């Protein structure tokens, strides 16, 4: 009976440690996701602020004179 109790307590301790480690990983990942979201929004704003290109899309281009 004592061996079973010790085994259960040992397993419980390892599970607590594993849960704490997983919680830390999730917290770090959430912080990284938030940081990446901010960076993405900054890139979107920078892209929107760029001047439009003078290059027309291929279907809008007139054919060259030798056609």
PDB file of N, CA and C in Angstrom:
ATOM      1  N   UNK A   1       0.822  -1.197   0.000  1.00  0.00           N
ATOM      2  CA  UNK A   1       0.000   0.000   0.000  1.00  0.00           C
ATOM      3  C   UNK A   1       0.869   1.264   0.000  1.00  0.00           C
ATOM      4  N   UNK A   2       1.925   1.263   0.805  1.00  0.00           N
ATOM      5  CA  UNK A   2       2.803   2.433   0.853  1.00  0.00           C
ATOM      6  C   UNK A   2       3.489   2.656  -0.485  1.00  0.00           C
ATOM      7  N   UNK A   3       3.875   1.589  -1.166  1.00  0.00           N
ATOM      8  CA  UNK A   3       4.530   1.724  -2.464  1.00  0.00           C
ATOM      9  C   UNK A   3       3.596   2.361  -3.487  1.00  0.00           C
ATOM     10  N   UNK A   4       2.328   1.965  -3.426  1.00  0.00           N
ATOM     11  CA  UNK A   4       1.360   2.550  -4.351  1.00  0.00           C
ATOM     12  C   UNK A   4       1.155   4.033  -4.074  1.00  0.00           C
ATOM     13  N   UNK A   5       1.107   4.396  -2.803  1.00  0.00           N
ATOM     14  CA  UNK A   5       0.932   5.787  -2.432  1.00  0.00           C
ATOM     15  C   UNK A   5       2.137   6.619  -2.868  1.00  0.00           C
ATOM     16  N   UNK A   6       3.323   6.096  -2.656  1.00  0.00           N
ATOM     17  CA  UNK A   6       4.540   6.793  -3.073  1.00  0.00           C
ATOM     18  C   UNK A   6       4.561   6.948  -4.591  1.00  0.00           C
ATOM     19  N   UNK A   7       4.153   5.886  -5.303  1.00  0.00           N
ATOM     20  CA  UNK A   7       4.109   5.947  -6.764  1.00  0.00           C
ATOM     21  C   UNK A   7       3.127   7.018  -7.237  1.00  0.00           C
ATOM     22  N   UNK A   8       1.959   7.078  -6.613  1.00  0.00           N
ATOM     23  CA  UNK A   8       0.962   8.088  -6.984  1.00  0.00           C
ATOM     24  C   UNK A   8       1.462   9.499  -6.679  1.00  0.00           C
ATOM     25  N   UNK A   9       2.087   9.686  -5.547  1.00  0.00           N
ATOM     26  CA  UNK A   9       2.623  10.999  -5.193  1.00  0.00           C
ATOM     27  C   UNK A   9       3.723  11.424  -6.165  1.00  0.00           C
ATOM     28  N   UNK A  10       4.548  10.478  -6.567  1.00  0.00           N
ATOM     29  CA  UNK A  10       5.614  10.761  -7.524  1.00  0.00           C
ATOM     30  C   UNK A  10       5.026  11.169  -8.868  1.00  0.00           C
ATOM     31  N   UNK A  11       4.056  10.405  -9.329  1.00  0.00           N
ATOM     32  CA  UNK A  11       3.405  10.737 -10.594  1.00  0.00           C
ATOM     33  C   UNK A  11       2.744  12.106 -10.536  1.00  0.00           C
ATOM     34  N   UNK A  12       2.088  12.387  -9.410  1.00  0.00           N
ATOM     35  CA  UNK A  12       1.428  13.673  -9.236  1.00  0.00           C
ATOM     36  C   UNK A  12       2.441  14.820  -9.297  1.00  0.00           C
ATOM     37  N   UNK A  13       3.569  14.642  -8.667  1.00  0.00           N
ATOM     38  CA  UNK A  13       4.599  15.680  -8.672  1.00  0.00           C
ATOM     39  C   UNK A  13       5.113  15.921 -10.086  1.00  0.00           C
ATOM     40  N   UNK A  14       5.339  14.843 -10.835  1.00  0.00           N
ATOM     41  CA  UNK A  14       5.808  15.002 -12.220  1.00  0.00           C
ATOM     42  C   UNK A  14       4.740  15.666 -13.083  1.00  0.00           C
ATOM     43  N   UNK A  15       3.494  15.321 -12.852  1.00  0.00           N
ATOM     44  CA  UNK A  15       2.415  15.942 -13.620  1.00  0.00           C
ATOM     45  C   UNK A  15       2.300  17.430 -13.302  1.00  0.00           C
ATOM     46  N   UNK A  16       2.445  17.788 -12.041  1.00  0.00           N
ATOM     47  CA  UNK A  16       2.425  19.201 -11.680  1.00  0.00           C
ATOM     48  C   UNK A  16       3.550  19.958 -12.381  1.00  0.00           C
ATOM     49  N   UNK A  17       4.726  19.350 -12.418  1.00  0.00           N
ATOM     50  CA  UNK A  17       5.868  19.982 -13.080  1.00  0.00           C
ATOM     51  C   UNK A  17       5.610  20.118 -14.576  1.00  0.00           C
ATOM     52  N   UNK A  18       5.068  19.075 -15.186  1.00  0.00           N
ATOM     53  CA  UNK A  18       4.780  19.116 -16.620  1.00  0.00           C
ATOM     54  C   UNK A  18       3.737  20.182 -16.935  1.00  0.00           C
ATOM     55  N   UNK A  19       2.722  20.289 -16.100  1.00  0.00           N
ATOM     56  CA  UNK A  19       1.682  21.294 -16.314  1.00  0.00           C
ATOM     57  C   UNK A  19       2.272  22.699 -16.181  1.00  0.00           C
ATOM     58  N   UNK A  20       3.127  22.913 -15.216  1.00  0.00           N
ATOM     59  CA  UNK A  20       3.759  24.218 -15.035  1.00  0.00           C
ATOM     60  C   UNK A  20       4.624  24.566 -16.242  1.00  0.00           C
ATOM     61  N   UNK A  21       5.378  23.596 -16.751  1.00  0.00           N
ATOM     62  CA  UNK A  21       6.216  23.840 -17.929  1.00  0.00           C
ATOM     63  C   UNK A  21       5.363  24.147 -19.152  1.00  0.00           C
ATOM     64  N   UNK A  22       4.291  23.402 -19.330  1.00  0.00           N
ATOM     65  CA  UNK A  22       3.399  23.655 -20.463  1.00  0.00           C
ATOM     66  C   UNK A  22       2.737  25.023 -20.349  1.00  0.00           C
ATOM     67  N   UNK A  23       2.387  25.409 -19.148  1.00  0.00           N
ATOM     68  CA  UNK A  23       1.794  26.721 -18.932  1.00  0.00           C
ATOM     69  C   UNK A  23       2.784  27.825 -19.310  1.00  0.00           C
ATOM     70  N   UNK A  24       4.051  27.635 -18.955  1.00  0.00           N
ATOM     71  CA  UNK A  24       5.083  28.610 -19.328  1.00  0.00           C
ATOM     72  C   UNK A  24       5.233  28.706 -20.847  1.00  0.00           C
ATOM     73  N   UNK A  25       5.195  27.553 -21.505  1.00  0.00           N
ATOM     74  CA  UNK A  25       5.315  27.533 -22.965  1.00  0.00           C
ATOM     75  C   UNK A  25       4.146  28.277 -23.605  1.00  0.00           C
ATOM     76  N   UNK A  26       2.953  28.021 -23.119  1.00  0.00           N
ATOM     77  CA  UNK A  26       1.764  28.678 -23.666  1.00  0.00           C
ATOM     78  C   UNK A  26       1.848  30.188 -23.450  1.00  0.00           C
ATOM     79  N   UNK A  27       2.310  30.605 -22.282  1.00  0.00           N
ATOM     80  CA  UNK A  27       2.438  32.042 -21.998  1.00  0.00           C
ATOM     81  C   UNK A  27       3.453  32.689 -22.942  1.00  0.00           C
ATOM     82  N   UNK A  28       4.589  32.016 -23.172  1.00  0.00           N
ATOM     83  CA  UNK A  28       5.593  32.562 -24.094  1.00  0.00           C
ATOM     84  C   UNK A  28       5.052  32.621 -25.513  1.00  0.00           C
ATOM     85  N   UNK A  29       4.337  31.582 -25.917  1.00  0.00           N
ATOM     86  CA  UNK A  29       3.778  31.575 -27.264  1.00  0.00           C
ATOM     87  C   UNK A  29       2.738  32.675 -27.429  1.00  0.00           C
ATOM     88  N   UNK A  30       1.931  32.917 -26.424  1.00  0.00           N
ATOM     89  CA  UNK A  30       0.936  33.977 -26.498  1.00  0.00           C
ATOM     90  C   UNK A  30       1.616  35.332 -26.634  1.00  0.00           C
ATOM     91  N   UNK A  31       2.700  35.537 -25.899  1.00  0.00           N
ATOM     92  CA  UNK A  31       3.438  36.797 -26.001  1.00  0.00           C
ATOM     93  C   UNK A  31       4.030  36.945 -27.402  1.00  0.00           C
ATOM     94  N   UNK A  32       4.568  35.853 -27.939  1.00  0.00           N
ATOM     95  CA  UNK A  32       5.156  35.899 -29.281  1.00  0.00           C
ATOM     96  C   UNK A  32       4.083  36.170 -30.334  1.00  0.00           C
ATOM     97  N   UNK A  33       2.919  35.577 -30.173  1.00  0.00           N
ATOM     98  CA  UNK A  33       1.819  35.818 -31.111  1.00  0.00           C
ATOM     99  C   UNK A  33       1.406  37.284 -31.067  1.00  0.00           C
ATOM    100  N   UNK A  34       1.335  37.847 -29.870  1.00  0.00           N
ATOM    101  CA  UNK A  34       0.974  39.266 -29.743  1.00  0.00           C
ATOM    102  C   UNK A  34       2.022  40.148 -30.416  1.00  0.00           C
ATOM    103  N   UNK A  35       3.295  39.825 -30.222  1.00  0.00           N
ATOM    104  CA  UNK A  35       4.371  40.594 -30.850  1.00  0.00           C
ATOM    105  C   UNK A  35       4.297  40.486 -32.367  1.00  0.00           C
ATOM    106  N   UNK A  36       4.076  39.283 -32.867  1.00  0.00           N
ATOM    107  CA  UNK A  36       3.972  39.094 -34.318  1.00  0.00           C
ATOM    108  C   UNK A  36       2.762  39.830 -34.886  1.00  0.00           C
ATOM    109  N   UNK A  37       1.671  39.865 -34.128  1.00  0.00           N
ATOM    110  CA  UNK A  37       0.489  40.600 -34.572  1.00  0.00           C
ATOM    111  C   UNK A  37       0.776  42.090 -34.706  1.00  0.00           C
ATOM    112  N   UNK A  38       1.508  42.636 -33.738  1.00  0.00           N
ATOM    113  CA  UNK A  38       1.875  44.054 -33.820  1.00  0.00           C
ATOM    114  C   UNK A  38       2.795  44.315 -35.011  1.00  0.00           C
ATOM    115  N   UNK A  39       3.749  43.433 -35.225  1.00  0.00           N
ATOM    116  CA  UNK A  39       4.661  43.598 -36.360  1.00  0.00           C
ATOM    117  C   UNK A  39       3.909  43.514 -37.680  1.00  0.00           C
ATOM    118  N   UNK A  40       2.960  42.598 -37.766  1.00  0.00           N
ATOM    119  CA  UNK A  40       2.159  42.466 -38.982  1.00  0.00           C
ATOM    120  C   UNK A  40       1.352  43.737 -39.242  1.00  0.00           C
ATOM    121  N   UNK A  41       0.764  44.291 -38.203  1.00  0.00           N
ATOM    122  CA  UNK A  41      -0.006  45.516 -38.368  1.00  0.00           C
ATOM    123  C   UNK A  41       0.894  46.667 -38.805  1.00  0.00           C
ATOM    124  N   UNK A  42       2.095  46.748 -38.249  1.00  0.00           N
ATOM    125  CA  UNK A  42       3.038  47.790 -38.665  1.00  0.00           C
ATOM    126  C   UNK A  42       3.416  47.627 -40.136  1.00  0.00           C
ATOM    127  N   UNK A  43       3.628  46.390 -40.572  1.00  0.00           N
ATOM    128  CA  UNK A  43       3.953  46.147 -41.979  1.00  0.00           C
ATOM    129  C   UNK A  43       2.791  46.517 -42.885  1.00  0.00           C
ATOM    130  N   UNK A  44       1.581  46.219 -42.452  1.00  0.00           N
ATOM    131  CA  UNK A  44       0.401  46.599 -43.245  1.00  0.00           C
ATOM    132  C   UNK A  44       0.317  48.110 -43.397  1.00  0.00           C
ATOM    133  N   UNK A  45       0.570  48.822 -42.302  1.00  0.00           N
ATOM    134  CA  UNK A  45       0.523  50.276 -42.360  1.00  0.00           C
ATOM    135  C   UNK A  45       1.610  50.823 -43.272  1.00  0.00           C
ATOM    136  N   UNK A  46       2.808  50.254 -43.197  1.00  0.00           N
ATOM    137  CA  UNK A  46       3.898  50.708 -44.064  1.00  0.00           C
ATOM    138  C   UNK A  46       3.576  50.425 -45.526  1.00  0.00           C
ATOM    139  N   UNK A  47       2.999  49.266 -45.795  1.00  0.00           N
ATOM    140  CA  UNK A  47       2.635  48.907 -47.162  1.00  0.00           C
ATOM    141  C   UNK A  47       1.552  49.839 -47.693  1.00  0.00           C
ATOM    142  N   UNK A  48       0.591  50.156 -46.864  1.00  0.00           N
ATOM    143  CA  UNK A  48      -0.481  51.061 -47.291  1.00  0.00           C
ATOM    144  C   UNK A  48       0.057  52.468 -47.548  1.00  0.00           C
ATOM    145  N   UNK A  49       1.129  52.841 -46.867  1.00  0.00           N
ATOM    146  CA  UNK A  49       1.686  54.183 -47.022  1.00  0.00           C
ATOM    147  C   UNK A  49       2.590  54.311 -48.247  1.00  0.00           C
ATOM    148  N   UNK A  50       2.966  53.186 -48.841  1.00  0.00           N
ATOM    149  CA  UNK A  50       3.831  53.246 -50.026  1.00  0.00           C
ATOM    150  C   UNK A  50       3.071  53.849 -51.206  1.00  0.00           C
ATOM    151  N   UNK A  51       3.765  54.604 -52.045  1.00  0.00           N
ATOM    152  CA  UNK A  51       3.091  55.150 -53.224  1.00  0.00           C
ATOM    153  C   UNK A  51       2.706  54.022 -54.180  1.00  0.00           C
ATOM    154  N   UNK A  52       1.646  54.262 -54.910  1.00  0.00           N
ATOM    155  CA  UNK A  52       1.198  53.265 -55.884  1.00  0.00           C
ATOM    156  C   UNK A  52       2.222  53.162 -57.006  1.00  0.00           C
ATOM    157  N   UNK A  53       2.335  51.993 -57.568  1.00  0.00           N
ATOM    158  CA  UNK A  53       3.284  51.746 -58.635  1.00  0.00           C
ATOM    159  C   UNK A  53       2.772  52.324 -59.957  1.00  0.00           C
ATOM    160  N   UNK A  54       3.707  52.808 -60.783  1.00  0.00           N
ATOM    161  CA  UNK A  54       3.350  53.306 -62.111  1.00  0.00           C
ATOM    162  C   UNK A  54       3.259  52.176 -63.129  1.00  0.00           C
ATOM    163  N   UNK A  55       3.612  51.004 -62.720  1.00  0.00           N
ATOM    164  CA  UNK A  55       3.590  49.854 -63.626  1.00  0.00           C
ATOM    165  C   UNK A  55       2.166  49.310 -63.695  1.00  0.00           C
ATOM    166  N   UNK A  56       1.654  49.203 -64.898  1.00  0.00           N
ATOM    167  CA  UNK A  56       0.301  48.691 -65.093  1.00  0.00           C
ATOM    168  C   UNK A  56       0.314  47.172 -65.061  1.00  0.00           C
ATOM    169  N   UNK A  57      -0.834  46.625 -64.774  1.00  0.00           N
ATOM    170  CA  UNK A  57      -0.962  45.171 -64.806  1.00  0.00           C
ATOM    171  C   UNK A  57      -0.852  44.714 -66.260  1.00  0.00           C
ATOM    172  N   UNK A  58      -0.425  43.480 -66.502  1.00  0.00           N
ATOM    173  CA  UNK A  58      -0.239  43.011 -67.884  1.00  0.00           C
ATOM    174  C   UNK A  58      -1.487  43.154 -68.752  1.00  0.00           C
ATOM    175  N   UNK A  59      -2.661  42.926 -68.217  1.00  0.00           N
ATOM    176  CA  UNK A  59      -3.877  43.030 -69.032  1.00  0.00           C
ATOM    177  C   UNK A  59      -4.233  44.480 -69.348  1.00  0.00           C
ATOM    178  N   UNK A  60      -3.657  45.433 -68.615  1.00  0.00           N
ATOM    179  CA  UNK A  60      -3.923  46.845 -68.876  1.00  0.00           C
ATOM    180  C   UNK A  60      -2.903  47.455 -69.844  1.00  0.00           C
ATOM    181  N   UNK A  61      -1.809  46.773 -70.085  1.00  0.00           N
ATOM    182  CA  UNK A  61      -0.756  47.294 -70.969  1.00  0.00           C
ATOM    183  C   UNK A  61      -1.226  47.252 -72.420  1.00  0.00           C
ATOM    184  N   UNK A  62      -0.877  48.271 -73.162  1.00  0.00           N
ATOM    185  CA  UNK A  62      -1.151  48.254 -74.601  1.00  0.00           C
ATOM    186  C   UNK A  62      -0.066  47.410 -75.272  1.00  0.00           C
ATOM    187  N   UNK A  63      -0.404  46.716 -76.324  1.00  0.00           N
ATOM    188  CA  UNK A  63       0.616  45.885 -76.980  1.00  0.00           C
ATOM    189  C   UNK A  63       1.703  46.750 -77.598  1.00  0.00           C
ATOM    190  N   UNK A  64       2.887  46.238 -77.685  1.00  0.00           N
ATOM    191  CA  UNK A  64       3.982  47.004 -78.301  1.00  0.00           C
ATOM    192  C   UNK A  64       3.663  47.253 -79.763  1.00  0.00           C
ATOM    193  N   UNK A  65       4.315  48.247 -80.381  1.00  0.00           N
ATOM    194  CA  UNK A  65       3.995  48.634 -81.749  1.00  0.00           C
ATOM    195  C   UNK A  65       4.242  47.525 -82.781  1.00  0.00           C
ATOM    196  N   UNK A  66       5.068  46.566 -82.520  1.00  0.00           N
ATOM    197  CA  UNK A  66       5.355  45.550 -83.544  1.00  0.00           C
ATOM    198  C   UNK A  66       4.289  44.464 -83.601  1.00  0.00           C
ATOM    199  N   UNK A  67       3.167  44.573 -82.838  1.00  0.00           N
ATOM    200  CA  UNK A  67       2.089  43.571 -82.925  1.00  0.00           C
ATOM    201  C   UNK A  67       1.148  43.921 -84.025  1.00  0.00           C
TER     202      UNK A  67
END
